[in-house]
PDB file of all heavy atoms in Angstrom:
ATOM      1  N   MET A   1      32.683  71.515  18.683  1.00  0.00           N
ATOM      2  CA  MET A   1      33.496  71.520  17.477  1.00  0.00           C
ATOM      3  C   MET A   1      34.404  72.757  17.507  1.00  0.00           C
ATOM      4  O   MET A   1      34.298  73.659  16.706  1.00  0.00           O
ATOM      5  CB  MET A   1      32.602  71.520  16.235  1.00  0.00           C
ATOM      6  CG  MET A   1      33.348  71.415  14.913  1.00  0.00           C
ATOM      7  SD  MET A   1      34.312  69.921  14.738  1.00  0.00           S
ATOM      8  CE  MET A   1      32.985  68.729  14.494  1.00  0.00           C
ATOM      9  N   GLY A   2      35.281  72.747  18.498  1.00  0.00           N
ATOM     10  CA  GLY A   2      36.108  73.919  18.755  1.00  0.00           C
ATOM     11  C   GLY A   2      35.557  74.707  19.926  1.00  0.00           C
ATOM     12  O   GLY A   2      34.365  74.614  20.259  1.00  0.00           O
ATOM     13  N   LEU A   3      36.434  75.513  20.547  1.00  0.00           N
ATOM     14  CA  LEU A   3      36.056  76.174  21.794  1.00  0.00           C
ATOM     15  C   LEU A   3      36.368  77.670  21.815  1.00  0.00           C
ATOM     16  O   LEU A   3      36.066  78.340  22.792  1.00  0.00           O
ATOM     17  CB  LEU A   3      36.793  75.505  22.971  1.00  0.00           C
ATOM     18  CG  LEU A   3      36.542  74.006  23.161  1.00  0.00           C
ATOM     19  CD1 LEU A   3      37.479  73.456  24.237  1.00  0.00           C
ATOM     20  CD2 LEU A   3      35.087  73.746  23.530  1.00  0.00           C
ATOM     21  N   GLY A   4      36.944  78.207  20.739  1.00  0.00           N
ATOM     22  CA  GLY A   4      37.467  79.563  20.781  1.00  0.00           C
ATOM     23  C   GLY A   4      36.460  80.636  21.139  1.00  0.00           C
ATOM     24  O   GLY A   4      36.807  81.617  21.792  1.00  0.00           O
ATOM     25  N   ALA A   5      35.213  80.478  20.710  1.00  0.00           N
ATOM     26  CA  ALA A   5      34.199  81.501  20.956  1.00  0.00           C
ATOM     27  C   ALA A   5      33.111  81.040  21.915  1.00  0.00           C
ATOM     28  O   ALA A   5      32.097  81.725  22.075  1.00  0.00           O
ATOM     29  CB  ALA A   5      33.564  81.922  19.633  1.00  0.00           C
ATOM     30  N   VAL A   6      33.312  79.915  22.576  1.00  0.00           N
ATOM     31  CA  VAL A   6      32.254  79.322  23.393  1.00  0.00           C
ATOM     32  C   VAL A   6      32.319  79.866  24.826  1.00  0.00           C
ATOM     33  O   VAL A   6      33.309  79.645  25.535  1.00  0.00           O
ATOM     34  CB  VAL A   6      32.367  77.788  23.406  1.00  0.00           C
ATOM     35  CG1 VAL A   6      31.245  77.180  24.245  1.00  0.00           C
ATOM     36  CG2 VAL A   6      32.330  77.238  21.985  1.00  0.00           C
ATOM     37  N   PRO A   7      31.293  80.567  25.270  1.00  0.00           N
ATOM     38  CA  PRO A   7      31.296  81.112  26.629  1.00  0.00           C
ATOM     39  C   PRO A   7      31.429  80.007  27.677  1.00  0.00           C
ATOM     40  O   PRO A   7      30.828  78.928  27.557  1.00  0.00           O
ATOM     41  CB  PRO A   7      29.930  81.807  26.731  1.00  0.00           C
ATOM     42  CG  PRO A   7      29.567  82.135  25.312  1.00  0.00           C
ATOM     43  CD  PRO A   7      30.099  80.988  24.501  1.00  0.00           C
ATOM     44  N   GLY A   8      32.225  80.273  28.684  1.00  0.00           N
ATOM     45  CA  GLY A   8      32.425  79.330  29.772  1.00  0.00           C
ATOM     46  C   GLY A   8      33.446  78.252  29.506  1.00  0.00           C
ATOM     47  O   GLY A   8      33.731  77.431  30.381  1.00  0.00           O
ATOM     48  N   ARG A   9      34.022  78.236  28.313  1.00  0.00           N
ATOM     49  CA  ARG A   9      34.997  77.201  27.955  1.00  0.00           C
ATOM     50  C   ARG A   9      36.380  77.784  27.695  1.00  0.00           C
ATOM     51  O   ARG A   9      37.238  77.168  27.065  1.00  0.00           O
ATOM     52  CB  ARG A   9      34.509  76.431  26.718  1.00  0.00           C
ATOM     53  CG  ARG A   9      33.219  75.677  26.933  1.00  0.00           C
ATOM     54  CD  ARG A   9      33.435  74.469  27.852  1.00  0.00           C
ATOM     55  NE  ARG A   9      33.920  73.320  27.087  1.00  0.00           N
ATOM     56  CZ  ARG A   9      34.670  72.350  27.593  1.00  0.00           C
ATOM     57  NH1 ARG A   9      35.080  72.414  28.850  1.00  0.00           N
ATOM     58  NH2 ARG A   9      35.039  71.326  26.845  1.00  0.00           N
ATOM     59  N   GLN A  10      36.634  78.989  28.263  1.00  0.00           N
ATOM     60  CA  GLN A  10      37.913  79.646  28.017  1.00  0.00           C
ATOM     61  C   GLN A  10      39.084  78.823  28.543  1.00  0.00           C
ATOM     62  O   GLN A  10      40.123  78.704  27.865  1.00  0.00           O
ATOM     63  CB  GLN A  10      37.933  81.047  28.662  1.00  0.00           C
ATOM     64  CG  GLN A  10      37.034  82.061  27.957  1.00  0.00           C
ATOM     65  CD  GLN A  10      35.635  82.131  28.548  1.00  0.00           C
ATOM     66  OE1 GLN A  10      35.074  81.104  28.970  1.00  0.00           O
ATOM     67  NE2 GLN A  10      35.069  83.331  28.604  1.00  0.00           N
ATOM     68  N   ALA A  11      38.959  78.255  29.724  1.00  0.00           N
ATOM     69  CA  ALA A  11      40.063  77.481  30.294  1.00  0.00           C
ATOM     70  C   ALA A  11      40.358  76.252  29.436  1.00  0.00           C
ATOM     71  O   ALA A  11      41.525  75.913  29.184  1.00  0.00           O
ATOM     72  CB  ALA A  11      39.741  77.070  31.728  1.00  0.00           C
ATOM     73  N   ALA A  12      39.306  75.595  28.959  1.00  0.00           N
ATOM     74  CA  ALA A  12      39.500  74.421  28.113  1.00  0.00           C
ATOM     75  C   ALA A  12      40.131  74.810  26.780  1.00  0.00           C
ATOM     76  O   ALA A  12      40.965  74.067  26.241  1.00  0.00           O
ATOM     77  CB  ALA A  12      38.166  73.718  27.886  1.00  0.00           C
ATOM     78  N   PHE A  13      39.739  75.964  26.228  1.00  0.00           N
ATOM     79  CA  PHE A  13      40.374  76.424  24.987  1.00  0.00           C
ATOM     80  C   PHE A  13      41.868  76.620  25.197  1.00  0.00           C
ATOM     81  O   PHE A  13      42.682  76.201  24.362  1.00  0.00           O
ATOM     82  CB  PHE A  13      39.743  77.729  24.508  1.00  0.00           C
ATOM     83  CG  PHE A  13      40.508  78.365  23.366  1.00  0.00           C
ATOM     84  CD1 PHE A  13      40.338  77.901  22.071  1.00  0.00           C
ATOM     85  CD2 PHE A  13      41.402  79.399  23.598  1.00  0.00           C
ATOM     86  CE1 PHE A  13      41.062  78.463  21.018  1.00  0.00           C
ATOM     87  CE2 PHE A  13      42.119  79.967  22.554  1.00  0.00           C
ATOM     88  CZ  PHE A  13      41.951  79.503  21.270  1.00  0.00           C
ATOM     89  N   ARG A  14      42.237  77.225  26.302  1.00  0.00           N
ATOM     90  CA  ARG A  14      43.660  77.505  26.537  1.00  0.00           C
ATOM     91  C   ARG A  14      44.448  76.222  26.791  1.00  0.00           C
ATOM     92  O   ARG A  14      45.597  76.102  26.362  1.00  0.00           O
ATOM     93  CB  ARG A  14      43.800  78.500  27.689  1.00  0.00           C
ATOM     94  CG  ARG A  14      43.181  79.844  27.329  1.00  0.00           C
ATOM     95  CD  ARG A  14      43.329  80.904  28.406  1.00  0.00           C
ATOM     96  NE  ARG A  14      42.644  82.137  28.001  1.00  0.00           N
ATOM     97  CZ  ARG A  14      42.866  83.329  28.512  1.00  0.00           C
ATOM     98  NH1 ARG A  14      43.769  83.467  29.484  1.00  0.00           N
ATOM     99  NH2 ARG A  14      42.221  84.390  28.067  1.00  0.00           N
ATOM    100  N   GLU A  15      43.814  75.259  27.449  1.00  0.00           N
ATOM    101  CA  GLU A  15      44.478  73.958  27.621  1.00  0.00           C
ATOM    102  C   GLU A  15      44.679  73.282  26.267  1.00  0.00           C
ATOM    103  O   GLU A  15      45.743  72.714  25.986  1.00  0.00           O
ATOM    104  CB  GLU A  15      43.641  73.066  28.536  1.00  0.00           C
ATOM    105  CG  GLU A  15      43.615  73.506  29.985  1.00  0.00           C
ATOM    106  CD  GLU A  15      42.645  72.685  30.820  1.00  0.00           C
ATOM    107  OE1 GLU A  15      42.121  71.666  30.288  1.00  0.00           O
ATOM    108  OE2 GLU A  15      42.389  73.061  31.978  1.00  0.00           O
ATOM    109  N   GLY A  16      43.657  73.349  25.424  1.00  0.00           N
ATOM    110  CA  GLY A  16      43.766  72.761  24.097  1.00  0.00           C
ATOM    111  C   GLY A  16      44.815  73.465  23.248  1.00  0.00           C
ATOM    112  O   GLY A  16      45.538  72.823  22.466  1.00  0.00           O
ATOM    113  N   LEU A  17      44.901  74.771  23.396  1.00  0.00           N
ATOM    114  CA  LEU A  17      45.924  75.525  22.670  1.00  0.00           C
ATOM    115  C   LEU A  17      47.319  75.072  23.066  1.00  0.00           C
ATOM    116  O   LEU A  17      48.189  74.887  22.200  1.00  0.00           O
ATOM    117  CB  LEU A  17      45.748  77.022  22.947  1.00  0.00           C
ATOM    118  CG  LEU A  17      46.803  77.939  22.335  1.00  0.00           C
ATOM    119  CD1 LEU A  17      46.715  77.924  20.808  1.00  0.00           C
ATOM    120  CD2 LEU A  17      46.632  79.370  22.863  1.00  0.00           C
ATOM    121  N   GLU A  18      47.529  74.868  24.352  1.00  0.00           N
ATOM    122  CA  GLU A  18      48.844  74.399  24.805  1.00  0.00           C
ATOM    123  C   GLU A  18      49.170  73.030  24.199  1.00  0.00           C
ATOM    124  O   GLU A  18      50.311  72.777  23.792  1.00  0.00           O
ATOM    125  CB  GLU A  18      48.881  74.323  26.336  1.00  0.00           C
ATOM    126  CG  GLU A  18      48.739  75.664  27.042  1.00  0.00           C
ATOM    127  CD  GLU A  18      49.912  76.595  26.784  1.00  0.00           C
ATOM    128  OE1 GLU A  18      51.006  76.098  26.444  1.00  0.00           O
ATOM    129  OE2 GLU A  18      49.729  77.824  26.911  1.00  0.00           O
ATOM    130  N   GLN A  19      48.174  72.150  24.127  1.00  0.00           N
ATOM    131  CA  GLN A  19      48.399  70.844  23.514  1.00  0.00           C
ATOM    132  C   GLN A  19      48.727  70.992  22.034  1.00  0.00           C
ATOM    133  O   GLN A  19      49.642  70.326  21.510  1.00  0.00           O
ATOM    134  CB  GLN A  19      47.171  69.958  23.696  1.00  0.00           C
ATOM    135  CG  GLN A  19      47.372  68.531  23.188  1.00  0.00           C
ATOM    136  CD  GLN A  19      46.125  67.670  23.319  1.00  0.00           C
ATOM    137  OE1 GLN A  19      45.004  68.193  23.419  1.00  0.00           O
ATOM    138  NE2 GLN A  19      46.302  66.362  23.343  1.00  0.00           N
ATOM    139  N   ALA A  20      47.997  71.862  21.341  1.00  0.00           N
ATOM    140  CA  ALA A  20      48.259  72.076  19.921  1.00  0.00           C
ATOM    141  C   ALA A  20      49.653  72.639  19.687  1.00  0.00           C
ATOM    142  O   ALA A  20      50.346  72.241  18.738  1.00  0.00           O
ATOM    143  CB  ALA A  20      47.200  73.014  19.339  1.00  0.00           C
ATOM    144  N   VAL A  21      50.075  73.559  20.536  1.00  0.00           N
ATOM    145  CA  VAL A  21      51.419  74.134  20.402  1.00  0.00           C
ATOM    146  C   VAL A  21      52.480  73.060  20.621  1.00  0.00           C
ATOM    147  O   VAL A  21      53.485  72.993  19.897  1.00  0.00           O
ATOM    148  CB  VAL A  21      51.600  75.305  21.383  1.00  0.00           C
ATOM    149  CG1 VAL A  21      53.070  75.720  21.476  1.00  0.00           C
ATOM    150  CG2 VAL A  21      50.746  76.493  20.951  1.00  0.00           C
ATOM    151  N   LEU A  22      52.259  72.191  21.604  1.00  0.00           N
ATOM    152  CA  LEU A  22      53.200  71.093  21.841  1.00  0.00           C
ATOM    153  C   LEU A  22      53.337  70.240  20.587  1.00  0.00           C
ATOM    154  O   LEU A  22      54.464  69.892  20.176  1.00  0.00           O
ATOM    155  CB  LEU A  22      52.714  70.262  23.024  1.00  0.00           C
ATOM    156  CG  LEU A  22      53.583  69.109  23.518  1.00  0.00           C
ATOM    157  CD1 LEU A  22      53.344  68.872  25.007  1.00  0.00           C
ATOM    158  CD2 LEU A  22      53.306  67.810  22.749  1.00  0.00           C
ATOM    159  N   TYR A  23      52.212  69.881  19.980  1.00  0.00           N
ATOM    160  CA  TYR A  23      52.252  69.073  18.753  1.00  0.00           C
ATOM    161  C   TYR A  23      52.899  69.842  17.607  1.00  0.00           C
ATOM    162  O   TYR A  23      53.716  69.288  16.853  1.00  0.00           O
ATOM    163  CB  TYR A  23      50.846  68.630  18.362  1.00  0.00           C
ATOM    164  CG  TYR A  23      50.443  67.298  18.950  1.00  0.00           C
ATOM    165  CD1 TYR A  23      50.095  67.182  20.290  1.00  0.00           C
ATOM    166  CD2 TYR A  23      50.421  66.145  18.171  1.00  0.00           C
ATOM    167  CE1 TYR A  23      49.727  65.958  20.837  1.00  0.00           C
ATOM    168  CE2 TYR A  23      50.052  64.921  18.703  1.00  0.00           C
ATOM    169  CZ  TYR A  23      49.718  64.825  20.038  1.00  0.00           C
ATOM    170  OH  TYR A  23      49.366  63.609  20.575  1.00  0.00           O
ATOM    171  N   ALA A  24      52.532  71.108  17.438  1.00  0.00           N
ATOM    172  CA  ALA A  24      53.092  71.899  16.345  1.00  0.00           C
ATOM    173  C   ALA A  24      54.610  71.984  16.443  1.00  0.00           C
ATOM    174  O   ALA A  24      55.320  71.854  15.438  1.00  0.00           O
ATOM    175  CB  ALA A  24      52.469  73.291  16.337  1.00  0.00           C
ATOM    176  N   LYS A  25      55.115  72.180  17.637  1.00  0.00           N
ATOM    177  CA  LYS A  25      56.566  72.260  17.815  1.00  0.00           C
ATOM    178  C   LYS A  25      57.229  70.925  17.492  1.00  0.00           C
ATOM    179  O   LYS A  25      58.253  70.878  16.799  1.00  0.00           O
ATOM    180  CB  LYS A  25      56.890  72.679  19.248  1.00  0.00           C
ATOM    181  CG  LYS A  25      56.532  74.125  19.560  1.00  0.00           C
ATOM    182  CD  LYS A  25      56.644  74.428  21.044  1.00  0.00           C
ATOM    183  CE  LYS A  25      58.052  74.224  21.574  1.00  0.00           C
ATOM    184  NZ  LYS A  25      58.141  74.557  23.017  1.00  0.00           N
ATOM    185  N   ALA A  26      56.637  69.832  17.964  1.00  0.00           N
ATOM    186  CA  ALA A  26      57.223  68.515  17.712  1.00  0.00           C
ATOM    187  C   ALA A  26      57.176  68.157  16.235  1.00  0.00           C
ATOM    188  O   ALA A  26      58.071  67.474  15.720  1.00  0.00           O
ATOM    189  CB  ALA A  26      56.495  67.456  18.533  1.00  0.00           C
ATOM    190  N   LEU A  27      56.139  68.626  15.534  1.00  0.00           N
ATOM    191  CA  LEU A  27      55.951  68.298  14.123  1.00  0.00           C
ATOM    192  C   LEU A  27      56.610  69.299  13.186  1.00  0.00           C
ATOM    193  O   LEU A  27      56.618  69.084  11.966  1.00  0.00           O
ATOM    194  CB  LEU A  27      54.453  68.221  13.809  1.00  0.00           C
ATOM    195  CG  LEU A  27      53.646  67.136  14.533  1.00  0.00           C
ATOM    196  CD1 LEU A  27      52.158  67.340  14.295  1.00  0.00           C
ATOM    197  CD2 LEU A  27      54.080  65.753  14.077  1.00  0.00           C
TER     198      LEU A  27
END
């Protein structure tokens, strides 16, 4: 339920952030 503080999931958090930024810009 989110990845920001989850050890070992830093790469996935950053990938998700990029997706969120893409959506935020489009919206």
